[in-house]
Amino acid sequence: MKKLGMSIIACVFVALICGCASVAPQLYTLSPTAVPSGDASDLAVTVGPVSVPEAVDRPQIVSNFTPNQLRVDEFNRWASPLKNDIARMVAENLAVILGSPYVSVFPQSVSVAPSYRVAIDVVRFEFVPGSEARLGALWSVRSTADGKIRTGATTLAESIQEAAPAAMVAAHSRMLGGLSVEIAAAIRTLAAGTPKEAAGPAK
């Protein structure tokens, strides 16, 4: 009888483990938020490399529960590496803002050589459930025609009433949209001082 009881307990334990293992994690991806400016251009831009803090450079979504405590969520994950997703989303935003079909993600490229290269170092990518999301990034835009560079530092925060990861992802998408607007302005400034034949796609 004792052996039977132990066998039942073992079976229940195995069933619980299998049940937990069969729960698929929720996958999240950032989404572009840019609004078309109405002006079309042929500015050729490549976005990347993008770096992110090591603490969030992982498949799982990371939350800040206290100033000194992080929580890694095994059941809520990024659909692709975060730095790749940020590069993709900024590129999509820039394509819309600049009205250009020649925006790509490094090291991929479109059929033309880029006239401007964007590098982004994300130094803060935080989420405090039920409180706020925070984004901090250092970035640069370099003209391949004359080597001129414009740099910037973007710091943004957005209040979040919800604790769900989806709210954090949406907030970071909006803040990265703001970052994209600043980068687009820097590209336009460089383009304004570059001969037209050099500002467009290389032939």
C-alpha atoms as a PDB file:
ATOM      1  CA  MET A   1       0.000   0.000   0.000  1.00  0.00           C
ATOM      2  CA  LYS A   2       2.856   2.307   0.834  1.00  0.00           C
ATOM      3  CA  LYS A   3       4.453   1.597  -2.547  1.00  0.00           C
ATOM      4  CA  LEU A   4       1.152   2.356  -4.260  1.00  0.00           C
ATOM      5  CA  GLY A   5       0.904   5.702  -2.475  1.00  0.00           C
ATOM      6  CA  MET A   6       4.445   6.627  -3.462  1.00  0.00           C
ATOM      7  CA  SER A   7       3.708   5.683  -7.075  1.00  0.00           C
ATOM      8  CA  ILE A   8       0.622   7.901  -7.142  1.00  0.00           C
ATOM      9  CA  ILE A   9       2.584  10.837  -5.720  1.00  0.00           C
ATOM     10  CA  ALA A  10       5.326  10.295  -8.304  1.00  0.00           C
ATOM     11  CA  CYS A  11       2.785  10.212 -11.132  1.00  0.00           C
ATOM     12  CA  VAL A  12       1.137  13.418  -9.909  1.00  0.00           C
ATOM     13  CA  PHE A  13       4.543  15.109  -9.649  1.00  0.00           C
ATOM     14  CA  VAL A  14       5.488  14.067 -13.191  1.00  0.00           C
ATOM     15  CA  ALA A  15       2.105  15.241 -14.478  1.00  0.00           C
ATOM     16  CA  LEU A  16       2.578  18.646 -12.866  1.00  0.00           C
ATOM     17  CA  ILE A  17       6.031  19.024 -14.397  1.00  0.00           C
ATOM     18  CA  CYS A  18       4.781  18.038 -17.837  1.00  0.00           C
ATOM     19  CA  GLY A  19       1.837  20.402 -17.476  1.00  0.00           C
ATOM     20  CA  CYS A  20       4.096  23.345 -16.656  1.00  0.00           C
ATOM     21  CA  ALA A  21       6.463  22.468 -19.471  1.00  0.00           C
ATOM     22  CA  SER A  22       3.624  22.410 -21.972  1.00  0.00           C
ATOM     23  CA  VAL A  23       2.605  26.020 -21.262  1.00  0.00           C
ATOM     24  CA  ALA A  24       3.910  28.046 -24.201  1.00  0.00           C
ATOM     25  CA  PRO A  25       5.300  31.482 -23.326  1.00  0.00           C
ATOM     26  CA  GLN A  26       3.642  34.613 -24.671  1.00  0.00           C
ATOM     27  CA  LEU A  27       5.788  36.276 -27.352  1.00  0.00           C
ATOM     28  CA  TYR A  28       6.015  40.034 -27.837  1.00  0.00           C
ATOM     29  CA  THR A  29       7.397  42.320 -30.517  1.00  0.00           C
ATOM     30  CA  LEU A  30       7.828  46.083 -30.741  1.00  0.00           C
ATOM     31  CA  SER A  31       5.652  47.919 -33.259  1.00  0.00           C
ATOM     32  CA  PRO A  32       6.296  51.090 -35.309  1.00  0.00           C
ATOM     33  CA  THR A  33       4.397  54.199 -34.281  1.00  0.00           C
ATOM     34  CA  ALA A  34       5.605  56.791 -36.817  1.00  0.00           C
ATOM     35  CA  VAL A  35       3.185  59.008 -38.683  1.00  0.00           C
ATOM     36  CA  PRO A  36       3.943  59.890 -42.339  1.00  0.00           C
ATOM     37  CA  SER A  37       5.199  63.448 -42.790  1.00  0.00           C
ATOM     38  CA  GLY A  38       3.740  63.669 -46.285  1.00  0.00           C
ATOM     39  CA  ASP A  39       7.158  64.376 -47.835  1.00  0.00           C
ATOM     40  CA  ALA A  40       8.776  61.657 -49.937  1.00  0.00           C
ATOM     41  CA  SER A  41      12.553  61.332 -50.236  1.00  0.00           C
ATOM     42  CA  ASP A  42      15.208  58.989 -51.557  1.00  0.00           C
ATOM     43  CA  LEU A  43      17.425  59.176 -48.453  1.00  0.00           C
ATOM     44  CA  ALA A  44      19.330  55.906 -48.086  1.00  0.00           C
ATOM     45  CA  VAL A  45      19.768  54.931 -44.423  1.00  0.00           C
ATOM     46  CA  THR A  46      20.957  51.846 -42.585  1.00  0.00           C
ATOM     47  CA  VAL A  47      20.189  51.294 -38.891  1.00  0.00           C
ATOM     48  CA  GLY A  48      22.652  49.409 -36.723  1.00  0.00           C
ATOM     49  CA  PRO A  49      24.438  48.212 -34.852  1.00  0.00           C
ATOM     50  CA  VAL A  50      22.159  48.520 -31.829  1.00  0.00           C
ATOM     51  CA  SER A  51      23.339  47.556 -28.348  1.00  0.00           C
ATOM     52  CA  VAL A  52      21.248  47.014 -25.208  1.00  0.00           C
ATOM     53  CA  PRO A  53      22.142  46.541 -21.503  1.00  0.00           C
ATOM     54  CA  GLU A  54      23.248  42.992 -20.692  1.00  0.00           C
ATOM     55  CA  ALA A  55      20.500  42.700 -18.060  1.00  0.00           C
ATOM     56  CA  VAL A  56      17.792  42.823 -20.734  1.00  0.00           C
ATOM     57  CA  ASP A  57      19.748  41.182 -23.545  1.00  0.00           C
ATOM     58  CA  ARG A  58      17.917  37.880 -23.194  1.00  0.00           C
ATOM     59  CA  PRO A  59      14.743  36.218 -24.547  1.00  0.00           C
ATOM     60  CA  GLN A  60      12.766  36.778 -21.330  1.00  0.00           C
ATOM     61  CA  ILE A  61      11.132  40.104 -20.513  1.00  0.00           C
ATOM     62  CA  VAL A  62      12.837  41.705 -17.514  1.00  0.00           C
ATOM     63  CA  SER A  63      10.982  43.857 -14.983  1.00  0.00           C
ATOM     64  CA  ASN A  64      12.348  46.213 -12.305  1.00  0.00           C
ATOM     65  CA  PHE A  65      10.580  45.393  -9.042  1.00  0.00           C
ATOM     66  CA  THR A  66      12.869  47.421  -6.771  1.00  0.00           C
ATOM     67  CA  PRO A  67      15.878  49.676  -7.481  1.00  0.00           C
ATOM     68  CA  ASN A  68      18.091  46.644  -6.837  1.00  0.00           C
ATOM     69  CA  GLN A  69      15.898  43.751  -7.938  1.00  0.00           C
ATOM     70  CA  LEU A  70      15.105  42.453 -11.413  1.00  0.00           C
ATOM     71  CA  ARG A  71      12.586  39.764 -12.288  1.00  0.00           C
ATOM     72  CA  VAL A  72      13.059  37.560 -15.349  1.00  0.00           C
ATOM     73  CA  ASP A  73       9.717  36.369 -16.726  1.00  0.00           C
ATOM     74  CA  GLU A  74      10.001  32.890 -18.250  1.00  0.00           C
ATOM     75  CA  PHE A  75       6.433  32.991 -19.582  1.00  0.00           C
ATOM     76  CA  ASN A  76       6.649  36.368 -21.370  1.00  0.00           C
ATOM     77  CA  ARG A  77       9.405  36.643 -23.953  1.00  0.00           C
ATOM     78  CA  TRP A  78      10.608  38.633 -26.928  1.00  0.00           C
ATOM     79  CA  ALA A  79       9.822  37.040 -30.281  1.00  0.00           C
ATOM     80  CA  SER A  80      13.322  37.966 -31.504  1.00  0.00           C
ATOM     81  CA  PRO A  81      16.499  39.352 -29.880  1.00  0.00           C
ATOM     82  CA  LEU A  82      15.662  42.742 -28.373  1.00  0.00           C
ATOM     83  CA  LYS A  83      18.483  44.648 -30.084  1.00  0.00           C
ATOM     84  CA  ASN A  84      17.395  43.254 -33.449  1.00  0.00           C
ATOM     85  CA  ASP A  85      13.774  44.178 -32.776  1.00  0.00           C
ATOM     86  CA  ILE A  86      14.763  47.739 -31.829  1.00  0.00           C
ATOM     87  CA  ALA A  87      16.820  48.118 -35.027  1.00  0.00           C
ATOM     88  CA  ARG A  88      13.932  46.797 -37.135  1.00  0.00           C
ATOM     89  CA  MET A  89      11.386  49.073 -35.514  1.00  0.00           C
ATOM     90  CA  VAL A  90      13.539  52.219 -35.740  1.00  0.00           C
ATOM     91  CA  ALA A  91      14.196  51.429 -39.417  1.00  0.00           C
ATOM     92  CA  GLU A  92      10.471  51.047 -40.069  1.00  0.00           C
ATOM     93  CA  ASN A  93       9.784  54.325 -38.268  1.00  0.00           C
ATOM     94  CA  LEU A  94      12.475  56.163 -40.250  1.00  0.00           C
ATOM     95  CA  ALA A  95      11.131  54.826 -43.546  1.00  0.00           C
ATOM     96  CA  VAL A  96       7.739  56.328 -42.703  1.00  0.00           C
ATOM     97  CA  ILE A  97       9.023  59.636 -41.286  1.00  0.00           C
ATOM     98  CA  LEU A  98      11.504  60.237 -44.113  1.00  0.00           C
ATOM     99  CA  GLY A  99       9.161  58.907 -46.765  1.00  0.00           C
ATOM    100  CA  SER A 100      11.991  56.791 -48.153  1.00  0.00           C
ATOM    101  CA  PRO A 101      11.992  53.189 -49.444  1.00  0.00           C
ATOM    102  CA  TYR A 102      15.756  53.002 -48.918  1.00  0.00           C
ATOM    103  CA  VAL A 103      15.908  52.340 -45.158  1.00  0.00           C
ATOM    104  CA  SER A 104      17.360  49.020 -44.034  1.00  0.00           C
ATOM    105  CA  VAL A 105      18.730  47.246 -40.978  1.00  0.00           C
ATOM    106  CA  PHE A 106      22.462  46.563 -40.673  1.00  0.00           C
ATOM    107  CA  PRO A 107      23.982  44.251 -41.910  1.00  0.00           C
ATOM    108  CA  GLN A 108      21.128  43.729 -44.354  1.00  0.00           C
ATOM    109  CA  SER A 109      20.804  46.264 -47.113  1.00  0.00           C
ATOM    110  CA  VAL A 110      18.503  47.365 -49.869  1.00  0.00           C
ATOM    111  CA  SER A 111      19.678  47.591 -53.464  1.00  0.00           C
ATOM    112  CA  VAL A 112      21.557  50.855 -52.859  1.00  0.00           C
ATOM    113  CA  ALA A 113      24.501  51.833 -50.691  1.00  0.00           C
ATOM    114  CA  PRO A 114      23.467  53.824 -47.584  1.00  0.00           C
ATOM    115  CA  SER A 115      24.226  57.528 -47.426  1.00  0.00           C
ATOM    116  CA  TYR A 116      23.631  57.632 -43.645  1.00  0.00           C
ATOM    117  CA  ARG A 117      24.474  55.115 -40.950  1.00  0.00           C
ATOM    118  CA  VAL A 118      22.654  55.123 -37.612  1.00  0.00           C
ATOM    119  CA  ALA A 119      24.180  53.545 -34.492  1.00  0.00           C
ATOM    120  CA  ILE A 120      22.197  53.253 -31.255  1.00  0.00           C
ATOM    121  CA  ASP A 121      23.445  52.394 -27.767  1.00  0.00           C
ATOM    122  CA  VAL A 122      20.439  51.755 -25.512  1.00  0.00           C
ATOM    123  CA  VAL A 123      21.685  52.418 -21.980  1.00  0.00           C
ATOM    124  CA  ARG A 124      18.334  52.111 -20.200  1.00  0.00           C
ATOM    125  CA  PHE A 125      15.408  49.844 -21.057  1.00  0.00           C
ATOM    126  CA  GLU A 126      13.363  49.486 -17.875  1.00  0.00           C
ATOM    127  CA  PHE A 127       9.870  48.491 -16.853  1.00  0.00           C
ATOM    128  CA  VAL A 128       8.403  49.024 -13.383  1.00  0.00           C
ATOM    129  CA  PRO A 129       5.057  47.139 -13.397  1.00  0.00           C
ATOM    130  CA  GLY A 130       2.125  49.425 -12.632  1.00  0.00           C
ATOM    131  CA  SER A 131       4.383  52.469 -12.538  1.00  0.00           C
ATOM    132  CA  GLU A 132       6.417  53.456 -15.597  1.00  0.00           C
ATOM    133  CA  ALA A 133       8.670  52.451 -18.467  1.00  0.00           C
ATOM    134  CA  ARG A 134      11.997  54.199 -19.043  1.00  0.00           C
ATOM    135  CA  LEU A 135      14.203  54.480 -22.112  1.00  0.00           C
ATOM    136  CA  GLY A 136      17.639  56.019 -22.439  1.00  0.00           C
ATOM    137  CA  ALA A 137      19.755  55.909 -25.596  1.00  0.00           C
ATOM    138  CA  LEU A 138      22.894  57.439 -27.073  1.00  0.00           C
ATOM    139  CA  TRP A 139      22.889  57.580 -30.856  1.00  0.00           C
ATOM    140  CA  SER A 140      24.818  58.869 -33.823  1.00  0.00           C
ATOM    141  CA  VAL A 141      24.134  59.487 -37.499  1.00  0.00           C
ATOM    142  CA  ARG A 142      27.100  59.517 -39.884  1.00  0.00           C
ATOM    143  CA  SER A 143      27.097  60.705 -43.477  1.00  0.00           C
ATOM    144  CA  THR A 144      29.054  58.300 -45.667  1.00  0.00           C
ATOM    145  CA  ALA A 145      29.616  61.073 -48.219  1.00  0.00           C
ATOM    146  CA  ASP A 146      31.703  63.425 -46.071  1.00  0.00           C
ATOM    147  CA  GLY A 147      32.018  61.661 -42.705  1.00  0.00           C
ATOM    148  CA  LYS A 148      30.051  64.331 -40.834  1.00  0.00           C
ATOM    149  CA  ILE A 149      28.376  63.059 -37.672  1.00  0.00           C
ATOM    150  CA  ARG A 150      25.493  64.216 -35.528  1.00  0.00           C
ATOM    151  CA  THR A 151      25.017  62.686 -32.089  1.00  0.00           C
ATOM    152  CA  GLY A 152      22.267  62.778 -29.504  1.00  0.00           C
ATOM    153  CA  ALA A 153      21.125  61.493 -26.138  1.00  0.00           C
ATOM    154  CA  THR A 154      17.468  60.607 -25.699  1.00  0.00           C
ATOM    155  CA  THR A 155      15.860  60.060 -22.297  1.00  0.00           C
ATOM    156  CA  LEU A 156      12.149  59.255 -22.089  1.00  0.00           C
ATOM    157  CA  ALA A 157       9.709  57.882 -19.505  1.00  0.00           C
ATOM    158  CA  GLU A 158       6.059  56.977 -19.706  1.00  0.00           C
ATOM    159  CA  SER A 159       3.623  56.220 -16.908  1.00  0.00           C
ATOM    160  CA  ILE A 160       2.002  52.789 -16.978  1.00  0.00           C
ATOM    161  CA  GLN A 161      -0.998  51.920 -14.839  1.00  0.00           C
ATOM    162  CA  GLU A 162      -0.988  48.262 -15.845  1.00  0.00           C
ATOM    163  CA  ALA A 163       1.439  45.568 -14.744  1.00  0.00           C
ATOM    164  CA  ALA A 164       1.013  43.438 -17.871  1.00  0.00           C
ATOM    165  CA  PRO A 165       4.043  43.044 -20.171  1.00  0.00           C
ATOM    166  CA  ALA A 166       1.890  44.109 -23.131  1.00  0.00           C
ATOM    167  CA  ALA A 167       1.567  47.589 -21.589  1.00  0.00           C
ATOM    168  CA  MET A 168       5.342  47.826 -21.265  1.00  0.00           C
ATOM    169  CA  VAL A 169       5.916  46.732 -24.860  1.00  0.00           C
ATOM    170  CA  ALA A 170       3.418  49.325 -26.115  1.00  0.00           C
ATOM    171  CA  ALA A 171       5.040  52.073 -24.017  1.00  0.00           C
ATOM    172  CA  HIS A 172       8.528  51.236 -25.253  1.00  0.00           C
ATOM    173  CA  SER A 173       7.237  51.176 -28.831  1.00  0.00           C
ATOM    174  CA  ARG A 174       5.957  54.730 -28.384  1.00  0.00           C
ATOM    175  CA  MET A 175       9.171  55.935 -26.767  1.00  0.00           C
ATOM    176  CA  LEU A 176      11.280  54.356 -29.511  1.00  0.00           C
ATOM    177  CA  GLY A 177       9.003  56.204 -31.907  1.00  0.00           C
ATOM    178  CA  GLY A 178      10.091  59.434 -30.194  1.00  0.00           C
ATOM    179  CA  LEU A 179      13.726  58.356 -30.534  1.00  0.00           C
ATOM    180  CA  SER A 180      13.138  57.749 -34.249  1.00  0.00           C
ATOM    181  CA  VAL A 181      11.776  61.274 -34.682  1.00  0.00           C
ATOM    182  CA  GLU A 182      14.965  62.751 -33.182  1.00  0.00           C
ATOM    183  CA  ILE A 183      17.174  60.573 -35.392  1.00  0.00           C
ATOM    184  CA  ALA A 184      15.148  61.513 -38.482  1.00  0.00           C
ATOM    185  CA  ALA A 185      15.670  65.213 -37.678  1.00  0.00           C
ATOM    186  CA  ALA A 186      19.437  64.636 -37.471  1.00  0.00           C
ATOM    187  CA  ILE A 187      19.417  62.849 -40.841  1.00  0.00           C
ATOM    188  CA  ARG A 188      17.526  65.719 -42.443  1.00  0.00           C
ATOM    189  CA  THR A 189      19.980  68.236 -40.961  1.00  0.00           C
ATOM    190  CA  LEU A 190      22.926  66.353 -42.427  1.00  0.00           C
ATOM    191  CA  ALA A 191      21.133  65.962 -45.759  1.00  0.00           C
ATOM    192  CA  ALA A 192      20.483  69.709 -45.902  1.00  0.00           C
ATOM    193  CA  GLY A 193      24.229  70.331 -45.902  1.00  0.00           C
ATOM    194  CA  THR A 194      25.087  67.564 -48.369  1.00  0.00           C
ATOM    195  CA  PRO A 195      24.997  67.927 -52.161  1.00  0.00           C
ATOM    196  CA  LYS A 196      21.785  66.368 -53.491  1.00  0.00           C
ATOM    197  CA  GLU A 197      23.591  63.743 -55.563  1.00  0.00           C
ATOM    198  CA  ALA A 198      25.410  62.526 -52.412  1.00  0.00           C
ATOM    199  CA  ALA A 199      22.370  62.619 -50.112  1.00  0.00           C
ATOM    200  CA  GLY A 200      20.377  60.160 -52.186  1.00  0.00           C
ATOM    201  CA  PRO A 201      21.085  56.484 -52.877  1.00  0.00           C
ATOM    202  CA  ALA A 202      24.463  55.685 -54.335  1.00  0.00           C
ATOM    203  CA  LYS A 203      24.268  54.512 -57.923  1.00  0.00           C
END
